[in-house]
Amino acid sequence: MMLTLRQTKVEETTLDTPEAIADHVHAEFARRQGAAPFQNGDRVRIANRAGIPPEFIVGDVGTVMLCDPEFSPLTTLMGVNSSGMTT
């Protein structure tokens, strides 16, 4: 019989200066950005328009503005809406 265990290690760090906090936030941003399937500025084709009304974006293309798949399955896109405005 074989058993596989997955363990999570908790690490505690004290951030006691504004610079330490800024460094931590910057490093976490860089880690998330590196792990994202899309990067800011990527041109993408929308494969499924379910839930995307034309008032938000028309067509099937957009540019990635924000992608944080660690906490959300959503990606924020820039495109053109049904009024012809860039949104």
PDB file of N, CA and C in Angstrom:
ATOM      1  N   MET A   1       0.848  -1.181   0.000  1.00  0.00           N
ATOM      2  CA  MET A   1       0.000   0.000   0.000  1.00  0.00           C
ATOM      3  C   MET A   1       0.886   1.235   0.000  1.00  0.00           C
ATOM      4  N   MET A   2       0.492   2.249  -0.820  1.00  0.00           N
ATOM      5  CA  MET A   2       1.237   3.500  -0.859  1.00  0.00           C
ATOM      6  C   MET A   2       0.295   4.639  -0.515  1.00  0.00           C
ATOM      7  N   LEU A   3       0.799   5.593   0.247  1.00  0.00           N
ATOM      8  CA  LEU A   3       0.018   6.741   0.674  1.00  0.00           C
ATOM      9  C   LEU A   3       0.818   7.998   0.363  1.00  0.00           C
ATOM     10  N   THR A   4       0.187   8.947  -0.313  1.00  0.00           N
ATOM     11  CA  THR A   4       0.846  10.218  -0.618  1.00  0.00           C
ATOM     12  C   THR A   4       0.218  11.309   0.230  1.00  0.00           C
ATOM     13  N   LEU A   5       1.054  12.053   0.923  1.00  0.00           N
ATOM     14  CA  LEU A   5       0.597  13.152   1.777  1.00  0.00           C
ATOM     15  C   LEU A   5       1.040  14.476   1.180  1.00  0.00           C
ATOM     16  N   ARG A   6       0.168  15.430   1.238  1.00  0.00           N
ATOM     17  CA  ARG A   6       0.525  16.790   0.829  1.00  0.00           C
ATOM     18  C   ARG A   6       0.522  17.657   2.075  1.00  0.00           C
ATOM     19  N   GLN A   7       1.626  18.319   2.323  1.00  0.00           N
ATOM     20  CA  GLN A   7       1.739  19.156   3.510  1.00  0.00           C
ATOM     21  C   GLN A   7       1.959  20.601   3.110  1.00  0.00           C
ATOM     22  N   THR A   8       1.353  21.483   3.866  1.00  0.00           N
ATOM     23  CA  THR A   8       1.539  22.909   3.654  1.00  0.00           C
ATOM     24  C   THR A   8       2.325  23.463   4.828  1.00  0.00           C
ATOM     25  N   LYS A   9       3.395  24.158   4.513  1.00  0.00           N
ATOM     26  CA  LYS A   9       4.214  24.762   5.567  1.00  0.00           C
ATOM     27  C   LYS A   9       3.821  26.217   5.717  1.00  0.00           C
ATOM     28  N   VAL A  10       3.624  26.638   6.933  1.00  0.00           N
ATOM     29  CA  VAL A  10       3.287  28.032   7.212  1.00  0.00           C
ATOM     30  C   VAL A  10       4.565  28.737   7.651  1.00  0.00           C
ATOM     31  N   GLU A  11       4.826  29.846   6.994  1.00  0.00           N
ATOM     32  CA  GLU A  11       6.011  30.624   7.325  1.00  0.00           C
ATOM     33  C   GLU A  11       5.563  31.989   7.813  1.00  0.00           C
ATOM     34  N   GLU A  12       6.110  32.430   8.905  1.00  0.00           N
ATOM     35  CA  GLU A  12       5.737  33.726   9.470  1.00  0.00           C
ATOM     36  C   GLU A  12       6.895  34.695   9.317  1.00  0.00           C
ATOM     37  N   THR A  13       6.583  35.874   8.798  1.00  0.00           N
ATOM     38  CA  THR A  13       7.589  36.908   8.598  1.00  0.00           C
ATOM     39  C   THR A  13       7.044  38.220   9.139  1.00  0.00           C
ATOM     40  N   THR A  14       7.873  38.964   9.843  1.00  0.00           N
ATOM     41  CA  THR A  14       7.476  40.273  10.350  1.00  0.00           C
ATOM     42  C   THR A  14       8.026  41.343   9.416  1.00  0.00           C
ATOM     43  N   LEU A  15       7.135  42.170   8.928  1.00  0.00           N
ATOM     44  CA  LEU A  15       7.521  43.287   8.074  1.00  0.00           C
ATOM     45  C   LEU A  15       7.431  44.546   8.924  1.00  0.00           C
ATOM     46  N   ASP A  16       8.565  45.097   9.262  1.00  0.00           N
ATOM     47  CA  ASP A  16       8.566  46.174  10.253  1.00  0.00           C
ATOM     48  C   ASP A  16       9.002  47.535   9.724  1.00  0.00           C
ATOM     49  N   THR A  17       9.149  47.649   8.415  1.00  0.00           N
ATOM     50  CA  THR A  17       9.476  48.952   7.833  1.00  0.00           C
ATOM     51  C   THR A  17       8.654  49.126   6.555  1.00  0.00           C
ATOM     52  N   PRO A  18       8.426  50.366   6.158  1.00  0.00           N
ATOM     53  CA  PRO A  18       7.727  50.581   4.886  1.00  0.00           C
ATOM     54  C   PRO A  18       8.447  49.930   3.703  1.00  0.00           C
ATOM     55  N   GLU A  19       9.773  49.941   3.725  1.00  0.00           N
ATOM     56  CA  GLU A  19      10.543  49.329   2.644  1.00  0.00           C
ATOM     57  C   GLU A  19      10.341  47.816   2.608  1.00  0.00           C
ATOM     58  N   ALA A  20      10.289  47.178   3.779  1.00  0.00           N
ATOM     59  CA  ALA A  20      10.077  45.728   3.837  1.00  0.00           C
ATOM     60  C   ALA A  20       8.693  45.362   3.310  1.00  0.00           C
ATOM     61  N   ILE A  21       7.706  46.168   3.649  1.00  0.00           N
ATOM     62  CA  ILE A  21       6.346  45.928   3.155  1.00  0.00           C
ATOM     63  C   ILE A  21       6.305  46.105   1.640  1.00  0.00           C
ATOM     64  N   ALA A  22       6.902  47.176   1.149  1.00  0.00           N
ATOM     65  CA  ALA A  22       6.926  47.426  -0.296  1.00  0.00           C
ATOM     66  C   ALA A  22       7.656  46.310  -1.032  1.00  0.00           C
ATOM     67  N   ASP A  23       8.765  45.840  -0.502  1.00  0.00           N
ATOM     68  CA  ASP A  23       9.513  44.742  -1.125  1.00  0.00           C
ATOM     69  C   ASP A  23       8.680  43.468  -1.171  1.00  0.00           C
ATOM     70  N   HIS A  24       7.964  43.191  -0.081  1.00  0.00           N
ATOM     71  CA  HIS A  24       7.119  41.993  -0.020  1.00  0.00           C
ATOM     72  C   HIS A  24       6.000  42.066  -1.058  1.00  0.00           C
ATOM     73  N   VAL A  25       5.312  43.201  -1.123  1.00  0.00           N
ATOM     74  CA  VAL A  25       4.212  43.356  -2.076  1.00  0.00           C
ATOM     75  C   VAL A  25       4.731  43.251  -3.505  1.00  0.00           C
ATOM     76  N   HIS A  26       5.860  43.875  -3.793  1.00  0.00           N
ATOM     77  CA  HIS A  26       6.433  43.830  -5.131  1.00  0.00           C
ATOM     78  C   HIS A  26       6.813  42.392  -5.513  1.00  0.00           C
ATOM     79  N   ALA A  27       7.419  41.671  -4.600  1.00  0.00           N
ATOM     80  CA  ALA A  27       7.811  40.284  -4.871  1.00  0.00           C
ATOM     81  C   ALA A  27       6.590  39.395  -5.097  1.00  0.00           C
ATOM     82  N   GLU A  28       5.533  39.608  -4.327  1.00  0.00           N
ATOM     83  CA  GLU A  28       4.308  38.818  -4.502  1.00  0.00           C
ATOM     84  C   GLU A  28       3.651  39.132  -5.841  1.00  0.00           C
ATOM     85  N   PHE A  29       3.643  40.407  -6.241  1.00  0.00           N
ATOM     86  CA  PHE A  29       3.117  40.790  -7.543  1.00  0.00           C
ATOM     87  C   PHE A  29       3.907  40.105  -8.654  1.00  0.00           C
ATOM     88  N   ALA A  30       5.223  40.144  -8.569  1.00  0.00           N
ATOM     89  CA  ALA A  30       6.072  39.531  -9.593  1.00  0.00           C
ATOM     90  C   ALA A  30       5.840  38.023  -9.664  1.00  0.00           C
ATOM     91  N   ARG A  31       5.648  37.365  -8.511  1.00  0.00           N
ATOM     92  CA  ARG A  31       5.392  35.927  -8.484  1.00  0.00           C
ATOM     93  C   ARG A  31       4.075  35.602  -9.186  1.00  0.00           C
ATOM     94  N   ARG A  32       3.023  36.356  -8.847  1.00  0.00           N
ATOM     95  CA  ARG A  32       1.714  36.117  -9.457  1.00  0.00           C
ATOM     96  C   ARG A  32       1.740  36.414 -10.950  1.00  0.00           C
ATOM     97  N   GLN A  33       2.393  37.490 -11.341  1.00  0.00           N
ATOM     98  CA  GLN A  33       2.459  37.846 -12.753  1.00  0.00           C
ATOM     99  C   GLN A  33       3.194  36.765 -13.539  1.00  0.00           C
ATOM    100  N   GLY A  34       4.252  36.224 -12.964  1.00  0.00           N
ATOM    101  CA  GLY A  34       5.006  35.167 -13.630  1.00  0.00           C
ATOM    102  C   GLY A  34       4.219  33.878 -13.778  1.00  0.00           C
ATOM    103  N   ALA A  35       3.292  33.614 -12.844  1.00  0.00           N
ATOM    104  CA  ALA A  35       2.507  32.380 -12.879  1.00  0.00           C
ATOM    105  C   ALA A  35       1.240  32.491 -13.713  1.00  0.00           C
ATOM    106  N   ALA A  36       0.854  33.698 -14.092  1.00  0.00           N
ATOM    107  CA  ALA A  36      -0.399  33.912 -14.820  1.00  0.00           C
ATOM    108  C   ALA A  36      -0.320  33.339 -16.236  1.00  0.00           C
ATOM    109  N   PRO A  37      -1.429  32.771 -16.715  1.00  0.00           N
ATOM    110  CA  PRO A  37      -1.417  32.240 -18.081  1.00  0.00           C
ATOM    111  C   PRO A  37      -1.386  33.340 -19.139  1.00  0.00           C
ATOM    112  N   PHE A  38      -1.794  34.540 -18.775  1.00  0.00           N
ATOM    113  CA  PHE A  38      -1.765  35.691 -19.679  1.00  0.00           C
ATOM    114  C   PHE A  38      -0.991  36.803 -18.995  1.00  0.00           C
ATOM    115  N   GLN A  39      -0.376  37.647 -19.792  1.00  0.00           N
ATOM    116  CA  GLN A  39       0.348  38.798 -19.261  1.00  0.00           C
ATOM    117  C   GLN A  39      -0.366  40.070 -19.696  1.00  0.00           C
ATOM    118  N   ASN A  40      -0.215  41.131 -18.922  1.00  0.00           N
ATOM    119  CA  ASN A  40      -0.804  42.414 -19.287  1.00  0.00           C
ATOM    120  C   ASN A  40      -0.311  42.804 -20.677  1.00  0.00           C
ATOM    121  N   GLY A  41      -1.248  43.215 -21.519  1.00  0.00           N
ATOM    122  CA  GLY A  41      -0.910  43.616 -22.875  1.00  0.00           C
ATOM    123  C   GLY A  41      -1.032  42.506 -23.911  1.00  0.00           C
ATOM    124  N   ASP A  42      -1.204  41.242 -23.471  1.00  0.00           N
ATOM    125  CA  ASP A  42      -1.388  40.145 -24.432  1.00  0.00           C
ATOM    126  C   ASP A  42      -2.670  40.355 -25.226  1.00  0.00           C
ATOM    127  N   ARG A  43      -2.618  40.085 -26.509  1.00  0.00           N
ATOM    128  CA  ARG A  43      -3.814  40.084 -27.340  1.00  0.00           C
ATOM    129  C   ARG A  43      -4.427  38.690 -27.236  1.00  0.00           C
ATOM    130  N   VAL A  44      -5.728  38.643 -26.975  1.00  0.00           N
ATOM    131  CA  VAL A  44      -6.388  37.352 -26.787  1.00  0.00           C
ATOM    132  C   VAL A  44      -7.672  37.283 -27.610  1.00  0.00           C
ATOM    133  N   ARG A  45      -8.065  36.060 -27.918  1.00  0.00           N
ATOM    134  CA  ARG A  45      -9.332  35.799 -28.593  1.00  0.00           C
ATOM    135  C   ARG A  45     -10.272  35.209 -27.553  1.00  0.00           C
ATOM    136  N   ILE A  46     -11.476  35.741 -27.484  1.00  0.00           N
ATOM    137  CA  ILE A  46     -12.476  35.269 -26.523  1.00  0.00           C
ATOM    138  C   ILE A  46     -13.107  34.004 -27.087  1.00  0.00           C
ATOM    139  N   ALA A  47     -12.951  32.899 -26.370  1.00  0.00           N
ATOM    140  CA  ALA A  47     -13.449  31.609 -26.840  1.00  0.00           C
ATOM    141  C   ALA A  47     -14.906  31.382 -26.463  1.00  0.00           C
ATOM    142  N   ASN A  48     -15.369  32.014 -25.392  1.00  0.00           N
ATOM    143  CA  ASN A  48     -16.739  31.817 -24.926  1.00  0.00           C
ATOM    144  C   ASN A  48     -17.274  33.158 -24.443  1.00  0.00           C
ATOM    145  N   ARG A  49     -18.300  33.674 -25.088  1.00  0.00           N
ATOM    146  CA  ARG A  49     -18.861  34.978 -24.734  1.00  0.00           C
ATOM    147  C   ARG A  49     -19.973  34.883 -23.708  1.00  0.00           C
ATOM    148  N   ALA A  50     -20.226  33.716 -23.153  1.00  0.00           N
ATOM    149  CA  ALA A  50     -21.287  33.567 -22.153  1.00  0.00           C
ATOM    150  C   ALA A  50     -21.054  34.556 -21.014  1.00  0.00           C
ATOM    151  N   GLY A  51     -22.050  35.362 -20.717  1.00  0.00           N
ATOM    152  CA  GLY A  51     -21.953  36.318 -19.621  1.00  0.00           C
ATOM    153  C   GLY A  51     -21.292  37.630 -19.989  1.00  0.00           C
ATOM    154  N   ILE A  52     -20.881  37.805 -21.242  1.00  0.00           N
ATOM    155  CA  ILE A  52     -20.263  39.069 -21.661  1.00  0.00           C
ATOM    156  C   ILE A  52     -21.262  39.811 -22.539  1.00  0.00           C
ATOM    157  N   PRO A  53     -21.951  40.813 -21.988  1.00  0.00           N
ATOM    158  CA  PRO A  53     -22.928  41.560 -22.789  1.00  0.00           C
ATOM    159  C   PRO A  53     -22.218  42.504 -23.766  1.00  0.00           C
ATOM    160  N   PRO A  54     -22.856  42.845 -24.884  1.00  0.00           N
ATOM    161  CA  PRO A  54     -22.239  43.743 -25.858  1.00  0.00           C
ATOM    162  C   PRO A  54     -22.000  45.149 -25.309  1.00  0.00           C
ATOM    163  N   GLU A  55     -22.708  45.511 -24.230  1.00  0.00           N
ATOM    164  CA  GLU A  55     -22.469  46.813 -23.607  1.00  0.00           C
ATOM    165  C   GLU A  55     -21.069  46.862 -22.989  1.00  0.00           C
ATOM    166  N   PHE A  56     -20.507  45.693 -22.731  1.00  0.00           N
ATOM    167  CA  PHE A  56     -19.168  45.620 -22.150  1.00  0.00           C
ATOM    168  C   PHE A  56     -18.106  45.488 -23.238  1.00  0.00           C
ATOM    169  N   ILE A  57     -18.271  44.507 -24.118  1.00  0.00           N
ATOM    170  CA  ILE A  57     -17.287  44.287 -25.168  1.00  0.00           C
ATOM    171  C   ILE A  57     -17.951  43.533 -26.316  1.00  0.00           C
ATOM    172  N   VAL A  58     -17.664  43.933 -27.539  1.00  0.00           N
ATOM    173  CA  VAL A  58     -18.204  43.254 -28.725  1.00  0.00           C
ATOM    174  C   VAL A  58     -17.058  42.527 -29.424  1.00  0.00           C
ATOM    175  N   GLY A  59     -17.424  41.642 -30.340  1.00  0.00           N
ATOM    176  CA  GLY A  59     -16.400  40.893 -31.060  1.00  0.00           C
ATOM    177  C   GLY A  59     -15.813  39.792 -30.197  1.00  0.00           C
ATOM    178  N   ASP A  60     -14.733  39.220 -30.672  1.00  0.00           N
ATOM    179  CA  ASP A  60     -14.133  38.103 -29.938  1.00  0.00           C
ATOM    180  C   ASP A  60     -12.650  38.319 -29.671  1.00  0.00           C
ATOM    181  N   VAL A  61     -12.232  39.586 -29.616  1.00  0.00           N
ATOM    182  CA  VAL A  61     -10.835  39.886 -29.318  1.00  0.00           C
ATOM    183  C   VAL A  61     -10.743  40.940 -28.225  1.00  0.00           C
ATOM    184  N   GLY A  62      -9.625  40.955 -27.539  1.00  0.00           N
ATOM    185  CA  GLY A  62      -9.386  41.942 -26.499  1.00  0.00           C
ATOM    186  C   GLY A  62      -7.922  41.966 -26.122  1.00  0.00           C
ATOM    187  N   THR A  63      -7.578  42.880 -25.251  1.00  0.00           N
ATOM    188  CA  THR A  63      -6.231  42.983 -24.709  1.00  0.00           C
ATOM    189  C   THR A  63      -6.314  42.795 -23.201  1.00  0.00           C
ATOM    190  N   VAL A  64      -5.441  41.967 -22.645  1.00  0.00           N
ATOM    191  CA  VAL A  64      -5.459  41.676 -21.217  1.00  0.00           C
ATOM    192  C   VAL A  64      -4.995  42.896 -20.435  1.00  0.00           C
ATOM    193  N   MET A  65      -5.842  43.307 -19.485  1.00  0.00           N
ATOM    194  CA  MET A  65      -5.475  44.412 -18.596  1.00  0.00           C
ATOM    195  C   MET A  65      -5.021  43.890 -17.240  1.00  0.00           C
ATOM    196  N   LEU A  66      -5.633  42.793 -16.785  1.00  0.00           N
ATOM    197  CA  LEU A  66      -5.322  42.246 -15.471  1.00  0.00           C
ATOM    198  C   LEU A  66      -5.634  40.762 -15.468  1.00  0.00           C
ATOM    199  N   CYS A  67      -4.729  39.953 -14.936  1.00  0.00           N
ATOM    200  CA  CYS A  67      -4.964  38.517 -14.830  1.00  0.00           C
ATOM    201  C   CYS A  67      -4.383  38.044 -13.506  1.00  0.00           C
ATOM    202  N   ASP A  68      -5.233  37.583 -12.609  1.00  0.00           N
ATOM    203  CA  ASP A  68      -4.791  37.063 -11.314  1.00  0.00           C
ATOM    204  C   ASP A  68      -5.490  35.736 -11.075  1.00  0.00           C
ATOM    205  N   PRO A  69      -5.057  34.668 -11.749  1.00  0.00           N
ATOM    206  CA  PRO A  69      -5.765  33.395 -11.671  1.00  0.00           C
ATOM    207  C   PRO A  69      -5.661  32.706 -10.319  1.00  0.00           C
ATOM    208  N   GLU A  70      -4.777  33.174  -9.453  1.00  0.00           N
ATOM    209  CA  GLU A  70      -4.636  32.519  -8.161  1.00  0.00           C
ATOM    210  C   GLU A  70      -5.903  32.674  -7.312  1.00  0.00           C
ATOM    211  N   PHE A  71      -6.551  33.817  -7.410  1.00  0.00           N
ATOM    212  CA  PHE A  71      -7.730  34.059  -6.590  1.00  0.00           C
ATOM    213  C   PHE A  71      -9.015  34.211  -7.388  1.00  0.00           C
ATOM    214  N   SER A  72      -8.918  34.271  -8.703  1.00  0.00           N
ATOM    215  CA  SER A  72     -10.095  34.485  -9.533  1.00  0.00           C
ATOM    216  C   SER A  72      -9.888  33.832 -10.892  1.00  0.00           C
ATOM    217  N   PRO A  73     -10.908  33.181 -11.409  1.00  0.00           N
ATOM    218  CA  PRO A  73     -10.780  32.608 -12.756  1.00  0.00           C
ATOM    219  C   PRO A  73     -10.998  33.647 -13.850  1.00  0.00           C
ATOM    220  N   LEU A  74     -11.205  34.899 -13.468  1.00  0.00           N
ATOM    221  CA  LEU A  74     -11.526  35.945 -14.428  1.00  0.00           C
ATOM    222  C   LEU A  74     -10.287  36.709 -14.866  1.00  0.00           C
ATOM    223  N   THR A  75     -10.339  37.212 -16.081  1.00  0.00           N
ATOM    224  CA  THR A  75      -9.301  38.075 -16.619  1.00  0.00           C
ATOM    225  C   THR A  75      -9.981  39.354 -17.097  1.00  0.00           C
ATOM    226  N   THR A  76      -9.442  40.504 -16.765  1.00  0.00           N
ATOM    227  CA  THR A  76     -10.005  41.776 -17.197  1.00  0.00           C
ATOM    228  C   THR A  76      -9.437  42.127 -18.566  1.00  0.00           C
ATOM    229  N   LEU A  77     -10.349  42.359 -19.510  1.00  0.00           N
ATOM    230  CA  LEU A  77      -9.940  42.671 -20.873  1.00  0.00           C
ATOM    231  C   LEU A  77     -10.302  44.097 -21.255  1.00  0.00           C
ATOM    232  N   MET A  78      -9.543  44.655 -22.175  1.00  0.00           N
ATOM    233  CA  MET A  78      -9.894  45.917 -22.801  1.00  0.00           C
ATOM    234  C   MET A  78     -10.387  45.584 -24.203  1.00  0.00           C
ATOM    235  N   GLY A  79     -11.483  46.206 -24.600  1.00  0.00           N
ATOM    236  CA  GLY A  79     -12.032  45.976 -25.921  1.00  0.00           C
ATOM    237  C   GLY A  79     -12.887  47.156 -26.323  1.00  0.00           C
ATOM    238  N   VAL A  80     -13.756  46.940 -27.296  1.00  0.00           N
ATOM    239  CA  VAL A  80     -14.663  47.979 -27.769  1.00  0.00           C
ATOM    240  C   VAL A  80     -16.079  47.546 -27.430  1.00  0.00           C
ATOM    241  N   ASN A  81     -16.874  48.470 -26.859  1.00  0.00           N
ATOM    242  CA  ASN A  81     -18.261  48.113 -26.513  1.00  0.00           C
ATOM    243  C   ASN A  81     -19.197  48.454 -27.661  1.00  0.00           C
ATOM    244  N   SER A  82     -20.482  48.133 -27.479  1.00  0.00           N
ATOM    245  CA  SER A  82     -21.462  48.325 -28.549  1.00  0.00           C
ATOM    246  C   SER A  82     -21.690  49.783 -28.909  1.00  0.00           C
ATOM    247  N   SER A  83     -21.237  50.713 -28.076  1.00  0.00           N
ATOM    248  CA  SER A  83     -21.334  52.155 -28.392  1.00  0.00           C
ATOM    249  C   SER A  83     -20.105  52.648 -29.126  1.00  0.00           C
ATOM    250  N   GLY A  84     -19.134  51.770 -29.363  1.00  0.00           N
ATOM    251  CA  GLY A  84     -17.913  52.157 -30.058  1.00  0.00           C
ATOM    252  C   GLY A  84     -16.845  52.758 -29.167  1.00  0.00           C
ATOM    253  N   MET A  85     -17.038  52.671 -27.856  1.00  0.00           N
ATOM    254  CA  MET A  85     -16.054  53.210 -26.920  1.00  0.00           C
ATOM    255  C   MET A  85     -15.089  52.108 -26.487  1.00  0.00           C
ATOM    256  N   THR A  86     -13.836  52.470 -26.266  1.00  0.00           N
ATOM    257  CA  THR A  86     -12.860  51.522 -25.725  1.00  0.00           C
ATOM    258  C   THR A  86     -13.092  51.414 -24.232  1.00  0.00           C
ATOM    259  N   THR A  87     -13.296  50.174 -23.773  1.00  0.00           N
ATOM    260  CA  THR A  87     -13.599  49.948 -22.358  1.00  0.00           C
ATOM    261  C   THR A  87     -12.601  49.010 -21.734  1.00  0.00           C
TER     262      THR A  87
END
